[in-house]
Amino acid sequence: MKDIILTGPKHSGKTRAGKALASLCSCEFTDLDELITQRTGKSARQLYTEGKEIFQKAETEAVESLASTADNAADNSAANSSGDEQLRIVAAGGGMIDNQDAVAIIKKLNAVVIYLSIDAASAWERIARSPGGLPPFLQTENPQETHRALHERRAAAYSQMADIVIEAEGKQSEKIAAEIISKINLS
């Protein structure tokens, strides 16, 4: 199995672009936060509220399950000898870059890592408008400044991890998906 992993900050459009890409490619889509919820019975926000370490452990276990699925698919594909490699689109959580165990597993996958880049101000606007209020990691004395500093640090790390950087600012998910297809030659 070949994974395309969409990374980037919270509210950068990873899930929407991932669903659009999966639709265009007629392949499986997995949202890592949804997988965590399925596996634990708790949302990413609930787990993070219980403790950052608890959330990161659940995130790492979800990434491990993706890797296991990919390994099994590769074994089945080799046995099948058709040569057709299955494709899976994965939307990672916005803070995954801070989970070194999960990042290490992703680096070992046969994956193309794509960073959807948006500027800090746009990300902040989207977060501030989202239902449910600010996520726990932004519930600080100055949430906007906390977000800006976090966004800048993570942007550098995501850029370094990525095989491809897509400027997602102001783009519809379908346009992002089409750009991904053209950059990794999935057509």
Protein backbone atom coordinates (compact mmCIF):
# COMPACT_ATOMS: atom_id res chain seq x y z
CA MET A 1 0.00 0.00 0.00
CA LYS A 2 1.19 3.50 -0.82
CA ASP A 3 0.17 6.21 1.62
CA ILE A 4 -0.16 9.89 0.88
CA ILE A 5 -0.06 11.65 4.23
CA LEU A 6 -1.41 15.18 4.43
CA THR A 7 0.16 17.21 7.21
CA GLY A 8 -0.11 20.80 8.32
CA PRO A 9 -1.60 22.99 11.01
CA LYS A 10 -5.02 22.64 12.53
CA HIS A 11 -7.65 23.85 10.05
CA SER A 12 -5.33 23.85 7.04
CA GLY A 13 -7.81 21.73 5.07
CA LYS A 14 -6.17 18.31 5.41
CA THR A 15 -9.43 16.39 5.84
CA ARG A 16 -11.34 18.16 3.07
CA ALA A 17 -8.44 17.96 0.64
CA GLY A 18 -7.85 14.33 1.62
CA LYS A 19 -11.47 13.39 0.93
CA ALA A 20 -11.36 15.24 -2.40
CA LEU A 21 -8.11 13.49 -3.34
CA ALA A 22 -9.46 10.07 -2.34
CA SER A 23 -12.55 10.71 -4.44
CA LEU A 24 -10.48 11.69 -7.48
CA CYS A 25 -8.23 8.65 -7.06
CA SER A 26 -11.02 6.23 -6.07
CA CYS A 27 -9.09 5.15 -3.02
CA GLU A 28 -9.37 4.87 0.75
CA PHE A 29 -9.31 7.94 3.00
CA THR A 30 -8.37 7.85 6.68
CA ASP A 31 -8.55 10.78 9.07
CA LEU A 32 -6.10 10.08 11.87
CA ASP A 33 -8.20 11.92 14.48
CA GLU A 34 -11.25 9.83 13.50
CA LEU A 35 -9.16 6.66 13.71
CA ILE A 36 -8.06 7.67 17.21
CA THR A 37 -11.70 8.19 18.19
CA GLN A 38 -12.69 4.79 16.75
CA ARG A 39 -9.86 3.07 18.60
CA THR A 40 -10.30 4.82 21.98
CA GLY A 41 -13.93 5.89 22.08
CA LYS A 42 -12.74 9.44 22.84
CA SER A 43 -12.09 12.44 20.64
CA ALA A 44 -8.60 13.83 20.18
CA ARG A 45 -9.68 16.86 22.23
CA GLN A 46 -10.92 14.65 25.09
CA LEU A 47 -7.69 12.67 25.13
CA TYR A 48 -5.57 15.82 25.05
CA THR A 49 -7.58 17.22 27.96
CA GLU A 50 -6.68 14.06 29.91
CA GLY A 51 -3.02 14.73 29.14
CA LYS A 52 -0.77 15.44 26.20
CA GLU A 53 1.08 12.15 26.78
CA ILE A 54 -2.21 10.19 26.77
CA PHE A 55 -3.19 11.78 23.46
CA GLN A 56 0.23 11.20 21.89
CA LYS A 57 0.21 7.55 22.95
CA ALA A 58 -3.19 7.09 21.26
CA GLU A 59 -1.91 8.95 18.18
CA THR A 60 1.20 6.76 17.99
CA GLU A 61 -0.91 3.60 18.31
CA ALA A 62 -3.19 4.82 15.50
CA VAL A 63 -0.16 5.49 13.26
CA GLU A 64 1.18 2.02 14.14
CA SER A 65 -2.13 0.51 13.04
CA LEU A 66 -1.82 2.37 9.71
CA ALA A 67 1.68 1.00 9.28
CA SER A 68 0.47 -2.52 10.08
CA THR A 69 -2.33 -2.20 7.54
CA ALA A 70 0.15 -0.95 4.94
CA ASP A 71 2.49 -3.88 5.63
CA ASN A 72 -0.35 -6.39 5.27
CA ALA A 73 -1.52 -4.78 2.03
CA ALA A 74 2.03 -4.89 0.66
CA ASP A 75 2.29 -8.60 1.52
CA ASN A 76 -1.06 -9.29 -0.18
CA SER A 77 -0.06 -7.25 -3.23
CA ALA A 78 3.21 -9.18 -3.56
CA ALA A 79 1.36 -12.48 -3.28
CA ASN A 80 -1.22 -11.29 -5.79
CA SER A 81 1.57 -10.28 -8.25
CA SER A 82 -0.74 -7.94 -10.18
CA GLY A 83 1.68 -5.13 -9.45
CA ASP A 84 -1.17 -2.71 -8.71
CA GLU A 85 -0.31 -0.89 -5.53
CA GLN A 86 -3.24 0.26 -3.42
CA LEU A 87 -3.37 3.92 -2.53
CA ARG A 88 -4.53 5.41 0.78
CA ILE A 89 -4.90 9.06 1.69
CA VAL A 90 -4.30 9.93 5.34
CA ALA A 91 -5.04 13.27 7.03
CA ALA A 92 -2.77 13.62 10.06
CA GLY A 93 -3.59 15.72 13.10
CA GLY A 94 -2.28 19.27 13.19
CA GLY A 95 0.07 18.61 16.09
CA MET A 96 1.44 15.27 14.92
CA ILE A 97 4.78 16.88 14.12
CA ASP A 98 5.32 17.23 17.90
CA ASN A 99 4.88 13.48 18.41
CA GLN A 100 8.32 12.09 17.60
CA ASP A 101 7.22 8.45 17.96
CA ALA A 102 4.44 8.92 15.38
CA VAL A 103 6.74 10.88 13.06
CA ALA A 104 9.36 8.10 13.22
CA ILE A 105 6.76 5.52 12.16
CA ILE A 106 5.56 7.70 9.29
CA LYS A 107 9.13 8.15 8.06
CA LYS A 108 9.41 4.35 7.77
CA LEU A 109 6.25 4.02 5.67
CA ASN A 110 6.24 3.88 1.90
CA ALA A 111 4.54 7.28 1.99
CA VAL A 112 4.54 10.62 0.28
CA VAL A 113 4.26 13.31 2.95
CA ILE A 114 2.55 16.50 1.82
CA TYR A 115 2.51 19.65 3.88
CA LEU A 116 -0.51 21.91 3.35
CA SER A 117 0.82 25.34 4.20
CA ILE A 118 -1.33 28.26 5.33
CA ASP A 119 -0.27 31.40 7.15
CA ALA A 120 -0.65 31.77 10.91
CA ALA A 121 -3.29 34.52 10.64
CA SER A 122 -5.56 32.39 8.45
CA ALA A 123 -5.14 29.37 10.70
CA TRP A 124 -5.96 31.50 13.74
CA GLU A 125 -9.13 32.86 12.10
CA ARG A 126 -10.32 29.33 11.33
CA ILE A 127 -9.53 28.09 14.84
CA ALA A 128 -11.22 31.08 16.48
CA ARG A 129 -14.40 30.48 14.40
CA SER A 130 -14.54 26.72 14.98
CA PRO A 131 -17.29 25.26 17.14
CA GLY A 132 -16.26 23.96 20.53
CA GLY A 133 -13.98 26.88 21.37
CA LEU A 134 -10.23 26.90 21.53
CA PRO A 135 -8.44 23.56 21.76
CA PRO A 136 -6.79 22.80 25.11
CA PHE A 137 -3.27 23.58 23.92
CA LEU A 138 -4.34 27.16 23.13
CA GLN A 139 -6.07 27.85 26.42
CA THR A 140 -3.32 30.14 27.65
CA GLU A 141 -3.06 33.73 28.86
CA ASN A 142 -2.52 34.91 25.26
CA PRO A 143 -3.97 32.22 22.95
CA GLN A 144 -3.29 34.11 19.71
CA GLU A 145 0.40 34.60 20.55
CA THR A 146 0.68 30.97 21.70
CA HIS A 147 -0.81 29.91 18.37
CA ARG A 148 1.50 32.13 16.32
CA ALA A 149 4.64 30.80 18.00
CA LEU A 150 3.43 27.21 17.72
CA HIS A 151 2.43 27.69 14.09
CA GLU A 152 5.83 29.10 13.13
CA ARG A 153 7.77 26.34 14.89
CA ARG A 154 5.59 23.59 13.45
CA ALA A 155 5.65 25.09 9.94
CA ALA A 156 9.43 24.76 9.86
CA ALA A 157 9.23 21.16 11.09
CA TYR A 158 6.47 20.21 8.62
CA SER A 159 8.43 21.76 5.74
CA GLN A 160 11.47 19.71 6.68
CA MET A 161 9.45 16.48 6.95
CA ALA A 162 7.49 16.95 3.73
CA ASP A 163 8.27 15.49 0.34
CA ILE A 164 6.00 18.12 -1.21
CA VAL A 165 4.77 21.49 0.07
CA ILE A 166 1.43 22.75 -1.23
CA GLU A 167 0.44 26.34 -0.64
CA ALA A 168 -3.16 25.80 0.50
CA GLU A 169 -3.96 29.42 1.34
CA GLY A 170 -7.29 30.42 -0.20
CA LYS A 171 -7.62 27.26 -2.32
CA GLN A 172 -10.65 24.98 -2.51
CA SER A 173 -10.05 21.36 -1.51
CA GLU A 174 -10.63 20.13 -5.08
CA LYS A 175 -7.91 22.47 -6.39
CA ILE A 176 -5.51 21.25 -3.70
CA ALA A 177 -6.32 17.62 -4.61
CA ALA A 178 -5.72 18.31 -8.32
CA GLU A 179 -2.40 19.99 -7.49
CA ILE A 180 -1.34 16.97 -5.44
CA ILE A 181 -2.22 14.64 -8.31
CA SER A 182 -0.15 16.68 -10.74
CA LYS A 183 2.85 16.86 -8.39
CA ILE A 184 3.02 13.14 -7.65
CA ASN A 185 1.81 11.95 -11.03
CA LEU A 186 -1.28 10.02 -9.91
CA SER A 187 -3.22 10.62 -13.11
